[in-house]
C-alpha atoms as a PDB file:
ATOM      1  CA  MET A   1      63.970 -12.509 -20.739  1.00  0.00           C
ATOM      2  CA  ASN A   2      64.875  -9.315 -18.897  1.00  0.00           C
ATOM      3  CA  LYS A   3      65.517  -8.972 -15.156  1.00  0.00           C
ATOM      4  CA  LYS A   4      61.984  -7.835 -14.384  1.00  0.00           C
ATOM      5  CA  TYR A   5      60.423 -10.950 -15.945  1.00  0.00           C
ATOM      6  CA  PHE A   6      63.052 -13.164 -14.367  1.00  0.00           C
ATOM      7  CA  ILE A   7      62.172 -11.874 -10.890  1.00  0.00           C
ATOM      8  CA  ILE A   8      58.456 -12.313 -11.633  1.00  0.00           C
ATOM      9  CA  PHE A   9      59.218 -15.853 -12.849  1.00  0.00           C
ATOM     10  CA  ILE A  10      60.986 -16.667  -9.581  1.00  0.00           C
ATOM     11  CA  LEU A  11      58.176 -15.195  -7.465  1.00  0.00           C
ATOM     12  CA  VAL A  12      55.473 -17.031  -9.422  1.00  0.00           C
ATOM     13  CA  SER A  13      57.436 -20.287  -9.128  1.00  0.00           C
ATOM     14  CA  PHE A  14      57.828 -19.777  -5.383  1.00  0.00           C
ATOM     15  CA  PHE A  15      54.109 -19.073  -4.986  1.00  0.00           C
ATOM     16  CA  ALA A  16      53.223 -22.225  -6.959  1.00  0.00           C
ATOM     17  CA  THR A  17      55.564 -24.338  -4.850  1.00  0.00           C
ATOM     18  CA  PHE A  18      54.056 -22.893  -1.679  1.00  0.00           C
ATOM     19  CA  LEU A  19      50.536 -23.696  -2.917  1.00  0.00           C
ATOM     20  CA  ARG A  20      51.591 -27.259  -3.732  1.00  0.00           C
ATOM     21  CA  PHE A  21      52.981 -27.675  -0.233  1.00  0.00           C
ATOM     22  CA  TYR A  22      49.844 -26.157   1.299  1.00  0.00           C
ATOM     23  CA  ILE A  23      47.321 -28.235  -0.685  1.00  0.00           C
ATOM     24  CA  ASN A  24      49.282 -31.527  -0.425  1.00  0.00           C
ATOM     25  CA  ASN A  25      46.857 -33.595  -2.543  1.00  0.00           C
ATOM     26  CA  ASN A  26      48.258 -34.981  -5.802  1.00  0.00           C
ATOM     27  CA  LEU A  27      44.880 -35.485  -7.460  1.00  0.00           C
ATOM     28  CA  ILE A  28      43.590 -31.968  -6.769  1.00  0.00           C
ATOM     29  CA  ILE A  29      46.906 -30.410  -7.763  1.00  0.00           C
ATOM     30  CA  SER A  30      47.005 -32.453 -10.940  1.00  0.00           C
ATOM     31  CA  ILE A  31      43.465 -31.466 -11.930  1.00  0.00           C
ATOM     32  CA  LEU A  32      43.972 -27.772 -11.160  1.00  0.00           C
ATOM     33  CA  GLY A  33      47.297 -27.707 -12.993  1.00  0.00           C
ATOM     34  CA  SER A  34      45.887 -29.448 -16.061  1.00  0.00           C
ATOM     35  CA  PHE A  35      42.920 -27.080 -16.199  1.00  0.00           C
ATOM     36  CA  LEU A  36      45.146 -24.033 -15.857  1.00  0.00           C
ATOM     37  CA  TYR A  37      47.561 -25.340 -18.484  1.00  0.00           C
ATOM     38  CA  GLY A  38      44.739 -25.909 -20.962  1.00  0.00           C
ATOM     39  CA  PHE A  39      43.281 -22.495 -20.161  1.00  0.00           C
ATOM     40  CA  VAL A  40      46.590 -20.669 -20.672  1.00  0.00           C
ATOM     41  CA  ILE A  41      47.672 -22.353 -23.907  1.00  0.00           C
ATOM     42  CA  SER A  42      44.567 -21.200 -25.735  1.00  0.00           C
ATOM     43  CA  ARG A  43      44.931 -17.564 -24.637  1.00  0.00           C
ATOM     44  CA  THR A  44      46.520 -14.989 -26.889  1.00  0.00           C
ATOM     45  CA  ILE A  45      49.042 -13.528 -24.479  1.00  0.00           C
ATOM     46  CA  SER A  46      52.709 -12.733 -24.949  1.00  0.00           C
ATOM     47  CA  ASN A  47      55.237 -15.551 -25.021  1.00  0.00           C
ATOM     48  CA  VAL A  48      56.919 -14.205 -21.897  1.00  0.00           C
ATOM     49  CA  LYS A  49      53.668 -14.320 -19.934  1.00  0.00           C
ATOM     50  CA  LYS A  50      52.931 -17.833 -21.212  1.00  0.00           C
ATOM     51  CA  GLU A  51      56.422 -18.905 -20.211  1.00  0.00           C
ATOM     52  CA  ILE A  52      55.956 -17.459 -16.732  1.00  0.00           C
ATOM     53  CA  LEU A  53      52.570 -19.129 -16.273  1.00  0.00           C
ATOM     54  CA  LEU A  54      53.386 -22.492 -17.850  1.00  0.00           C
ATOM     55  CA  SER A  55      57.044 -22.998 -16.958  1.00  0.00           C
ATOM     56  CA  GLY A  56      56.959 -21.010 -13.755  1.00  0.00           C
ATOM     57  CA  PHE A  57      53.608 -21.634 -12.137  1.00  0.00           C
ATOM     58  CA  CYS A  58      52.278 -24.843 -13.708  1.00  0.00           C
ATOM     59  CA  ALA A  59      55.595 -26.703 -13.649  1.00  0.00           C
ATOM     60  CA  CYS A  60      56.258 -25.872  -9.999  1.00  0.00           C
ATOM     61  CA  PHE A  61      52.643 -26.388  -8.962  1.00  0.00           C
ATOM     62  CA  THR A  62      52.024 -29.758 -10.569  1.00  0.00           C
ATOM     63  CA  SER A  63      55.550 -31.062  -9.976  1.00  0.00           C
ATOM     64  CA  PHE A  64      55.882 -34.386 -11.748  1.00  0.00           C
ATOM     65  CA  SER A  65      58.102 -35.625  -8.925  1.00  0.00           C
ATOM     66  CA  GLY A  66      55.176 -35.537  -6.491  1.00  0.00           C
ATOM     67  CA  PHE A  67      53.138 -37.707  -8.840  1.00  0.00           C
ATOM     68  CA  VAL A  68      56.007 -40.162  -9.304  1.00  0.00           C
ATOM     69  CA  ASN A  69      56.598 -40.313  -5.556  1.00  0.00           C
ATOM     70  CA  PHE A  70      52.938 -41.218  -5.004  1.00  0.00           C
ATOM     71  CA  LEU A  71      53.151 -43.995  -7.614  1.00  0.00           C
ATOM     72  CA  TYR A  72      56.426 -45.216  -6.115  1.00  0.00           C
ATOM     73  CA  ASN A  73      54.778 -45.531  -2.702  1.00  0.00           C
ATOM     74  CA  LEU A  74      52.029 -47.663  -4.253  1.00  0.00           C
ATOM     75  CA  ILE A  75      54.689 -49.962  -5.731  1.00  0.00           C
ATOM     76  CA  ILE A  76      56.533 -50.242  -2.410  1.00  0.00           C
ATOM     77  CA  GLN A  77      53.291 -51.144  -0.637  1.00  0.00           C
ATOM     78  CA  GLY A  78      52.476 -53.754  -3.296  1.00  0.00           C
ATOM     79  CA  TYR A  79      49.272 -52.134  -4.553  1.00  0.00           C
ATOM     80  CA  TYR A  80      49.856 -52.976  -8.220  1.00  0.00           C
ATOM     81  CA  LEU A  81      46.211 -52.936  -9.269  1.00  0.00           C
ATOM     82  CA  LYS A  82      45.686 -49.603  -7.526  1.00  0.00           C
ATOM     83  CA  LEU A  83      48.836 -48.315  -9.253  1.00  0.00           C
ATOM     84  CA  PHE A  84      47.566 -49.384 -12.687  1.00  0.00           C
ATOM     85  CA  ILE A  85      44.122 -47.895 -12.125  1.00  0.00           C
ATOM     86  CA  TYR A  86      45.393 -44.630 -10.645  1.00  0.00           C
ATOM     87  CA  LEU A  87      48.049 -44.150 -13.321  1.00  0.00           C
ATOM     88  CA  ASN A  88      45.576 -44.615 -16.165  1.00  0.00           C
ATOM     89  CA  LEU A  89      42.794 -42.692 -14.467  1.00  0.00           C
ATOM     90  CA  ILE A  90      44.935 -39.685 -13.671  1.00  0.00           C
ATOM     91  CA  VAL A  91      46.421 -39.455 -17.174  1.00  0.00           C
ATOM     92  CA  ILE A  92      43.028 -39.715 -18.877  1.00  0.00           C
ATOM     93  CA  LEU A  93      41.370 -37.379 -16.367  1.00  0.00           C
ATOM     94  CA  ASN A  94      44.116 -34.780 -16.766  1.00  0.00           C
ATOM     95  CA  LEU A  95      43.815 -34.835 -20.547  1.00  0.00           C
ATOM     96  CA  ILE A  96      40.051 -34.337 -20.282  1.00  0.00           C
ATOM     97  CA  ILE A  97      40.448 -31.514 -17.745  1.00  0.00           C
ATOM     98  CA  MET A  98      43.092 -29.828 -19.914  1.00  0.00           C
ATOM     99  CA  TYR A  99      40.731 -30.017 -22.896  1.00  0.00           C
ATOM    100  CA  ILE A 100      37.917 -28.507 -20.800  1.00  0.00           C
ATOM    101  CA  GLY A 101      40.216 -25.669 -19.733  1.00  0.00           C
ATOM    102  CA  PHE A 102      41.222 -25.091 -23.354  1.00  0.00           C
ATOM    103  CA  GLN A 103      37.603 -25.030 -24.529  1.00  0.00           C
ATOM    104  CA  LEU A 104      36.481 -22.770 -21.683  1.00  0.00           C
ATOM    105  CA  SER A 105      39.280 -20.331 -22.407  1.00  0.00           C
ATOM    106  CA  SER A 106      38.323 -20.278 -26.095  1.00  0.00           C
ATOM    107  CA  LYS A 107      34.723 -19.458 -25.163  1.00  0.00           C
ATOM    108  CA  VAL A 108      35.742 -16.680 -22.748  1.00  0.00           C
ATOM    109  CA  SER A 109      37.848 -14.777 -25.257  1.00  0.00           C
END
């Protein structure tokens, strides 16, 4: 990756992190990130652009640590049933949303 793409990667990652901080809702962030990920992986764009969008934007936007922190707080508070339901719901929902994004992107191109 050359310097130009590296700087774009850093800026995109910063923007994604800022959006995550601004939205501050794990479910919405998770759904948007899954949709975008599914949309991007079906596109025929260069590997550098995919890397910037997936590793730069999606990884910083969805941030697995935010999801884990939310689940950890449920454990600390003793909401084990809520933890089980949320964990399964969010994983299944994200897979469905990613598939929808993939299919929509295939239809657009």
